[in-house]
């Protein structure tokens, strides 16, 4: 049995068939997929931008909320002192306590939003 160099058996018959589009349906499908991808990309970009803006807004709220909490604590101290001295009333103290709690909550929320 004789072997030729570089040839190891019968050569299969291959025929090159150029690709042709299966029709306008696949083209519309591809265009739809491209549109969906573009829309998804725009949505991700928008979400990232919104998250960044929310972070910046929370960062800017922290000093204001901290000052509000300090002032509310001082007002509570004043209201409590006035009541202890007999010149204030229980409603004033209760209002100061509520304001103090709300201010502390706003400060904690600002910190949470930033984290």
C-alpha atoms as a PDB file:
ATOM      1  CA  UNK A   1       0.000   0.000   0.000  1.00  0.00           C
ATOM      2  CA  UNK A   2       1.469   3.238  -1.113  1.00  0.00           C
ATOM      3  CA  UNK A   3       1.085   6.407   0.949  1.00  0.00           C
ATOM      4  CA  UNK A   4       1.470   9.803  -0.429  1.00  0.00           C
ATOM      5  CA  UNK A   5       3.057  12.409   1.709  1.00  0.00           C
ATOM      6  CA  UNK A   6       0.441  14.571   3.493  1.00  0.00           C
ATOM      7  CA  UNK A   7      -2.532  12.449   2.368  1.00  0.00           C
ATOM      8  CA  UNK A   8      -4.150  10.004   4.787  1.00  0.00           C
ATOM      9  CA  UNK A   9      -7.183   8.563   3.092  1.00  0.00           C
ATOM     10  CA  UNK A  10      -9.990   9.656   0.859  1.00  0.00           C
ATOM     11  CA  UNK A  11     -10.700  13.376   0.628  1.00  0.00           C
ATOM     12  CA  UNK A  12     -14.263  14.227   1.665  1.00  0.00           C
ATOM     13  CA  UNK A  13     -16.231  16.215  -0.839  1.00  0.00           C
ATOM     14  CA  UNK A  14     -16.948  19.660   0.679  1.00  0.00           C
ATOM     15  CA  UNK A  15     -18.921  22.315  -1.046  1.00  0.00           C
ATOM     16  CA  UNK A  16     -18.839  25.946   0.040  1.00  0.00           C
ATOM     17  CA  UNK A  17     -22.283  27.480   0.296  1.00  0.00           C
ATOM     18  CA  UNK A  18     -22.293  31.232   0.867  1.00  0.00           C
ATOM     19  CA  UNK A  19     -24.523  32.428   3.723  1.00  0.00           C
ATOM     20  CA  UNK A  20     -27.742  34.049   2.713  1.00  0.00           C
ATOM     21  CA  UNK A  21     -30.133  35.684   5.081  1.00  0.00           C
ATOM     22  CA  UNK A  22     -33.053  33.394   5.908  1.00  0.00           C
ATOM     23  CA  UNK A  23     -35.403  36.268   5.238  1.00  0.00           C
ATOM     24  CA  UNK A  24     -36.700  39.542   6.580  1.00  0.00           C
ATOM     25  CA  UNK A  25     -38.017  37.892   9.755  1.00  0.00           C
ATOM     26  CA  UNK A  26     -34.556  37.276  11.161  1.00  0.00           C
ATOM     27  CA  UNK A  27     -33.477  40.778  10.220  1.00  0.00           C
ATOM     28  CA  UNK A  28     -36.404  42.245  12.161  1.00  0.00           C
ATOM     29  CA  UNK A  29     -35.594  39.977  15.096  1.00  0.00           C
ATOM     30  CA  UNK A  30     -31.958  41.156  15.101  1.00  0.00           C
ATOM     31  CA  UNK A  31     -33.040  44.783  14.911  1.00  0.00           C
ATOM     32  CA  UNK A  32     -35.438  44.216  17.816  1.00  0.00           C
ATOM     33  CA  UNK A  33     -32.636  42.626  19.878  1.00  0.00           C
ATOM     34  CA  UNK A  34     -30.330  45.546  19.114  1.00  0.00           C
ATOM     35  CA  UNK A  35     -33.035  47.985  20.199  1.00  0.00           C
ATOM     36  CA  UNK A  36     -33.612  46.089  23.440  1.00  0.00           C
ATOM     37  CA  UNK A  37     -29.879  46.064  24.155  1.00  0.00           C
ATOM     38  CA  UNK A  38     -29.653  49.792  23.530  1.00  0.00           C
ATOM     39  CA  UNK A  39     -32.647  50.396  25.823  1.00  0.00           C
ATOM     40  CA  UNK A  40     -31.158  48.214  28.567  1.00  0.00           C
ATOM     41  CA  UNK A  41     -27.861  50.080  28.286  1.00  0.00           C
ATOM     42  CA  UNK A  42     -29.648  53.423  28.622  1.00  0.00           C
ATOM     43  CA  UNK A  43     -31.594  52.139  31.648  1.00  0.00           C
ATOM     44  CA  UNK A  44     -28.424  50.979  33.409  1.00  0.00           C
ATOM     45  CA  UNK A  45     -26.772  54.335  32.744  1.00  0.00           C
ATOM     46  CA  UNK A  46     -29.804  56.147  34.117  1.00  0.00           C
ATOM     47  CA  UNK A  47     -29.905  53.969  37.243  1.00  0.00           C
ATOM     48  CA  UNK A  48     -26.212  54.578  37.948  1.00  0.00           C
ATOM     49  CA  UNK A  49     -26.639  58.331  37.517  1.00  0.00           C
ATOM     50  CA  UNK A  50     -29.702  58.335  39.801  1.00  0.00           C
ATOM     51  CA  UNK A  51     -27.876  56.336  42.472  1.00  0.00           C
ATOM     52  CA  UNK A  52     -24.972  58.785  42.349  1.00  0.00           C
ATOM     53  CA  UNK A  53     -27.309  61.776  42.679  1.00  0.00           C
ATOM     54  CA  UNK A  54     -29.121  60.115  45.601  1.00  0.00           C
ATOM     55  CA  UNK A  55     -25.784  59.528  47.309  1.00  0.00           C
ATOM     56  CA  UNK A  56     -24.770  63.164  46.860  1.00  0.00           C
ATOM     57  CA  UNK A  57     -28.143  64.383  48.186  1.00  0.00           C
ATOM     58  CA  UNK A  58     -27.812  62.147  51.254  1.00  0.00           C
ATOM     59  CA  UNK A  59     -24.277  63.415  51.831  1.00  0.00           C
ATOM     60  CA  UNK A  60     -25.502  67.006  51.741  1.00  0.00           C
ATOM     61  CA  UNK A  61     -28.333  66.247  54.204  1.00  0.00           C
ATOM     62  CA  UNK A  62     -26.003  64.929  56.914  1.00  0.00           C
ATOM     63  CA  UNK A  63     -24.654  68.259  58.259  1.00  0.00           C
ATOM     64  CA  UNK A  64     -28.109  69.838  58.199  1.00  0.00           C
ATOM     65  CA  UNK A  65     -29.680  66.882  59.980  1.00  0.00           C
ATOM     66  CA  UNK A  66     -26.863  66.825  62.522  1.00  0.00           C
ATOM     67  CA  UNK A  67     -27.382  70.508  63.296  1.00  0.00           C
ATOM     68  CA  UNK A  68     -31.122  69.943  63.582  1.00  0.00           C
ATOM     69  CA  UNK A  69     -30.546  67.130  66.076  1.00  0.00           C
ATOM     70  CA  UNK A  70     -28.221  69.328  68.165  1.00  0.00           C
ATOM     71  CA  UNK A  71     -30.730  72.173  68.213  1.00  0.00           C
ATOM     72  CA  UNK A  72     -33.599  69.843  69.121  1.00  0.00           C
ATOM     73  CA  UNK A  73     -31.563  68.417  72.017  1.00  0.00           C
ATOM     74  CA  UNK A  74     -30.861  71.950  73.247  1.00  0.00           C
ATOM     75  CA  UNK A  75     -34.550  72.877  72.963  1.00  0.00           C
ATOM     76  CA  UNK A  76     -35.472  69.786  74.963  1.00  0.00           C
ATOM     77  CA  UNK A  77     -32.970  70.736  77.639  1.00  0.00           C
ATOM     78  CA  UNK A  78     -34.407  74.271  77.784  1.00  0.00           C
ATOM     79  CA  UNK A  79     -38.003  73.012  77.919  1.00  0.00           C
ATOM     80  CA  UNK A  80     -37.131  70.533  80.676  1.00  0.00           C
ATOM     81  CA  UNK A  81     -35.342  73.269  82.654  1.00  0.00           C
ATOM     82  CA  UNK A  82     -38.302  75.634  82.257  1.00  0.00           C
ATOM     83  CA  UNK A  83     -40.688  72.947  83.469  1.00  0.00           C
ATOM     84  CA  UNK A  84     -38.409  72.116  86.448  1.00  0.00           C
ATOM     85  CA  UNK A  85     -38.303  75.828  87.314  1.00  0.00           C
ATOM     86  CA  UNK A  86     -42.099  75.986  87.238  1.00  0.00           C
ATOM     87  CA  UNK A  87     -42.354  78.359  84.255  1.00  0.00           C
ATOM     88  CA  UNK A  88     -42.914  75.756  81.546  1.00  0.00           C
ATOM     89  CA  UNK A  89     -45.671  73.211  81.057  1.00  0.00           C
ATOM     90  CA  UNK A  90     -45.740  69.485  80.281  1.00  0.00           C
ATOM     91  CA  UNK A  91     -46.986  70.079  76.719  1.00  0.00           C
ATOM     92  CA  UNK A  92     -43.889  72.167  75.945  1.00  0.00           C
ATOM     93  CA  UNK A  93     -41.670  69.344  77.224  1.00  0.00           C
ATOM     94  CA  UNK A  94     -43.600  66.723  75.240  1.00  0.00           C
ATOM     95  CA  UNK A  95     -43.373  68.806  72.058  1.00  0.00           C
ATOM     96  CA  UNK A  96     -39.621  69.211  72.603  1.00  0.00           C
ATOM     97  CA  UNK A  97     -39.248  65.450  73.132  1.00  0.00           C
ATOM     98  CA  UNK A  98     -41.132  64.711  69.904  1.00  0.00           C
ATOM     99  CA  UNK A  99     -39.059  67.266  67.991  1.00  0.00           C
ATOM    100  CA  UNK A 100     -35.872  65.785  69.451  1.00  0.00           C
ATOM    101  CA  UNK A 101     -36.871  62.261  68.423  1.00  0.00           C
ATOM    102  CA  UNK A 102     -37.806  63.398  64.918  1.00  0.00           C
ATOM    103  CA  UNK A 103     -34.523  65.281  64.505  1.00  0.00           C
ATOM    104  CA  UNK A 104     -32.494  62.278  65.658  1.00  0.00           C
ATOM    105  CA  UNK A 105     -34.455  60.070  63.253  1.00  0.00           C
ATOM    106  CA  UNK A 106     -33.761  62.470  60.364  1.00  0.00           C
ATOM    107  CA  UNK A 107     -30.061  62.453  61.189  1.00  0.00           C
ATOM    108  CA  UNK A 108     -29.893  58.658  61.373  1.00  0.00           C
ATOM    109  CA  UNK A 109     -31.849  58.396  58.113  1.00  0.00           C
ATOM    110  CA  UNK A 110     -29.405  60.744  56.395  1.00  0.00           C
ATOM    111  CA  UNK A 111     -26.486  58.628  57.613  1.00  0.00           C
ATOM    112  CA  UNK A 112     -28.226  55.452  56.491  1.00  0.00           C
ATOM    113  CA  UNK A 113     -29.012  56.864  53.057  1.00  0.00           C
ATOM    114  CA  UNK A 114     -25.382  57.839  52.625  1.00  0.00           C
ATOM    115  CA  UNK A 115     -24.037  54.436  53.639  1.00  0.00           C
END
